[in-house]
C-alpha atoms as a PDB file:
ATOM      1  CA  MET A   1     -10.475 254.820 127.135  1.00  0.00           C
ATOM      2  CA  PHE A   2     -13.419 253.032 128.735  1.00  0.00           C
ATOM      3  CA  LYS A   3     -11.995 253.629 132.220  1.00  0.00           C
ATOM      4  CA  TYR A   4     -11.668 257.327 131.439  1.00  0.00           C
ATOM      5  CA  PHE A   5     -15.294 257.460 130.285  1.00  0.00           C
ATOM      6  CA  VAL A   6     -16.483 255.683 133.440  1.00  0.00           C
ATOM      7  CA  PHE A   7     -14.453 258.106 135.560  1.00  0.00           C
ATOM      8  CA  LEU A   8     -15.993 261.130 133.834  1.00  0.00           C
ATOM      9  CA  LEU A   9     -19.459 259.663 134.215  1.00  0.00           C
ATOM     10  CA  PHE A  10     -18.881 259.080 137.928  1.00  0.00           C
ATOM     11  CA  VAL A  11     -17.556 262.602 138.474  1.00  0.00           C
ATOM     12  CA  SER A  12     -20.480 264.166 136.621  1.00  0.00           C
ATOM     13  CA  LEU A  13     -22.977 262.201 138.723  1.00  0.00           C
ATOM     14  CA  THR A  14     -21.379 263.212 142.016  1.00  0.00           C
ATOM     15  CA  VAL A  15     -21.348 266.921 141.281  1.00  0.00           C
ATOM     16  CA  THR A  16     -24.286 268.616 142.939  1.00  0.00           C
ATOM     17  CA  ALA A  17     -25.840 271.912 142.047  1.00  0.00           C
ATOM     18  CA  ALA A  18     -25.232 274.858 144.301  1.00  0.00           C
ATOM     19  CA  PRO A  19     -28.178 275.937 146.447  1.00  0.00           C
ATOM     20  CA  ILE A  20     -30.367 278.612 144.891  1.00  0.00           C
ATOM     21  CA  ASN A  21     -31.517 281.778 146.634  1.00  0.00           C
ATOM     22  CA  ILE A  22     -35.269 281.627 146.158  1.00  0.00           C
ATOM     23  CA  ASN A  23     -35.513 285.386 146.872  1.00  0.00           C
ATOM     24  CA  THR A  24     -33.245 286.526 144.047  1.00  0.00           C
ATOM     25  CA  ALA A  25     -33.418 283.797 141.394  1.00  0.00           C
ATOM     26  CA  ASN A  26     -35.457 284.252 138.245  1.00  0.00           C
ATOM     27  CA  SER A  27     -37.958 281.664 137.041  1.00  0.00           C
ATOM     28  CA  THR A  28     -35.532 279.957 134.660  1.00  0.00           C
ATOM     29  CA  GLU A  29     -32.914 279.583 137.392  1.00  0.00           C
ATOM     30  CA  ILE A  30     -35.494 278.135 139.785  1.00  0.00           C
ATOM     31  CA  ALA A  31     -36.836 275.691 137.190  1.00  0.00           C
ATOM     32  CA  ASN A  32     -33.327 274.517 136.312  1.00  0.00           C
ATOM     33  CA  ALA A  33     -32.150 274.153 139.909  1.00  0.00           C
ATOM     34  CA  LEU A  34     -35.080 272.443 141.615  1.00  0.00           C
ATOM     35  CA  ASN A  35     -36.477 268.976 140.965  1.00  0.00           C
ATOM     36  CA  GLY A  36     -40.179 268.832 140.184  1.00  0.00           C
ATOM     37  CA  ILE A  37     -40.385 272.580 139.532  1.00  0.00           C
ATOM     38  CA  GLY A  38     -40.988 273.526 135.932  1.00  0.00           C
ATOM     39  CA  LEU A  39     -41.161 276.978 134.429  1.00  0.00           C
ATOM     40  CA  LYS A  40     -44.850 277.412 135.272  1.00  0.00           C
ATOM     41  CA  LYS A  41     -44.375 276.634 138.976  1.00  0.00           C
ATOM     42  CA  ALA A  42     -41.222 278.749 139.048  1.00  0.00           C
ATOM     43  CA  GLU A  43     -43.220 281.678 137.661  1.00  0.00           C
ATOM     44  CA  ALA A  44     -45.826 281.097 140.389  1.00  0.00           C
ATOM     45  CA  ILE A  45     -43.019 281.360 142.964  1.00  0.00           C
ATOM     46  CA  ILE A  46     -41.870 284.656 141.436  1.00  0.00           C
ATOM     47  CA  ASN A  47     -45.425 286.037 141.356  1.00  0.00           C
ATOM     48  CA  TYR A  48     -46.006 285.078 144.990  1.00  0.00           C
ATOM     49  CA  ARG A  49     -42.681 286.670 145.973  1.00  0.00           C
ATOM     50  CA  GLU A  50     -43.522 289.900 144.129  1.00  0.00           C
ATOM     51  CA  ASN A  51     -46.957 290.127 145.770  1.00  0.00           C
ATOM     52  CA  ASN A  52     -46.054 288.987 149.295  1.00  0.00           C
ATOM     53  CA  GLY A  53     -42.382 289.791 149.785  1.00  0.00           C
ATOM     54  CA  SER A  54     -39.344 287.594 150.301  1.00  0.00           C
ATOM     55  CA  PHE A  55     -39.540 284.040 151.566  1.00  0.00           C
ATOM     56  CA  SER A  56     -37.933 283.146 154.882  1.00  0.00           C
ATOM     57  CA  SER A  57     -38.916 279.480 155.267  1.00  0.00           C
ATOM     58  CA  LEU A  58     -40.132 276.369 153.496  1.00  0.00           C
ATOM     59  CA  ASP A  59     -43.516 276.880 155.160  1.00  0.00           C
ATOM     60  CA  GLN A  60     -43.930 280.182 153.317  1.00  0.00           C
ATOM     61  CA  LEU A  61     -42.870 278.599 150.047  1.00  0.00           C
ATOM     62  CA  ASN A  62     -45.471 275.887 150.642  1.00  0.00           C
ATOM     63  CA  ARG A  63     -48.169 278.584 150.282  1.00  0.00           C
ATOM     64  CA  VAL A  64     -47.431 278.903 146.559  1.00  0.00           C
ATOM     65  CA  LYS A  65     -50.101 277.106 144.535  1.00  0.00           C
ATOM     66  CA  GLY A  66     -48.661 273.954 142.998  1.00  0.00           C
ATOM     67  CA  ILE A  67     -45.781 273.640 145.448  1.00  0.00           C
ATOM     68  CA  GLY A  68     -46.364 270.796 147.875  1.00  0.00           C
ATOM     69  CA  LYS A  69     -44.574 269.402 150.892  1.00  0.00           C
ATOM     70  CA  LYS A  70     -43.086 266.512 148.914  1.00  0.00           C
ATOM     71  CA  THR A  71     -41.542 268.883 146.371  1.00  0.00           C
ATOM     72  CA  LEU A  72     -40.131 271.030 149.161  1.00  0.00           C
ATOM     73  CA  LYS A  73     -38.756 268.018 151.019  1.00  0.00           C
ATOM     74  CA  ASN A  74     -36.995 266.804 147.871  1.00  0.00           C
ATOM     75  CA  ASN A  75     -35.411 270.235 147.342  1.00  0.00           C
ATOM     76  CA  GLN A  76     -34.900 271.584 150.862  1.00  0.00           C
ATOM     77  CA  GLN A  77     -31.105 271.224 150.699  1.00  0.00           C
ATOM     78  CA  ASP A  78     -31.050 273.248 147.465  1.00  0.00           C
ATOM     79  CA  ILE A  79     -33.085 276.256 148.644  1.00  0.00           C
ATOM     80  CA  GLN A  80     -31.653 279.294 150.427  1.00  0.00           C
ATOM     81  CA  PHE A  81     -33.626 282.188 151.888  1.00  0.00           C
ATOM     82  CA  ALA A  82     -31.082 285.021 151.872  1.00  0.00           C
ATOM     83  CA  ALA A  83     -32.439 288.563 151.710  1.00  0.00           C
ATOM     84  CA  PRO A  84     -32.404 290.131 148.241  1.00  0.00           C
END
């Protein structure tokens, strides 16, 4: 039983989240998918996107207040910029 538990724990730790499309995701999806991004910062991303159009790079996402280079670096593999 213990071996089975350890196996399940290992499998759950190795599963990674799918990348999120920052141009179509809602604030809850963004907050859940990205490390260091809570609901408030996710809402700031949505507001910026609504006022300035879709994102096409990490540099553009870095313009959102509260989103810094370290946060983007930690999440860069989880962010996609597909057109809406």
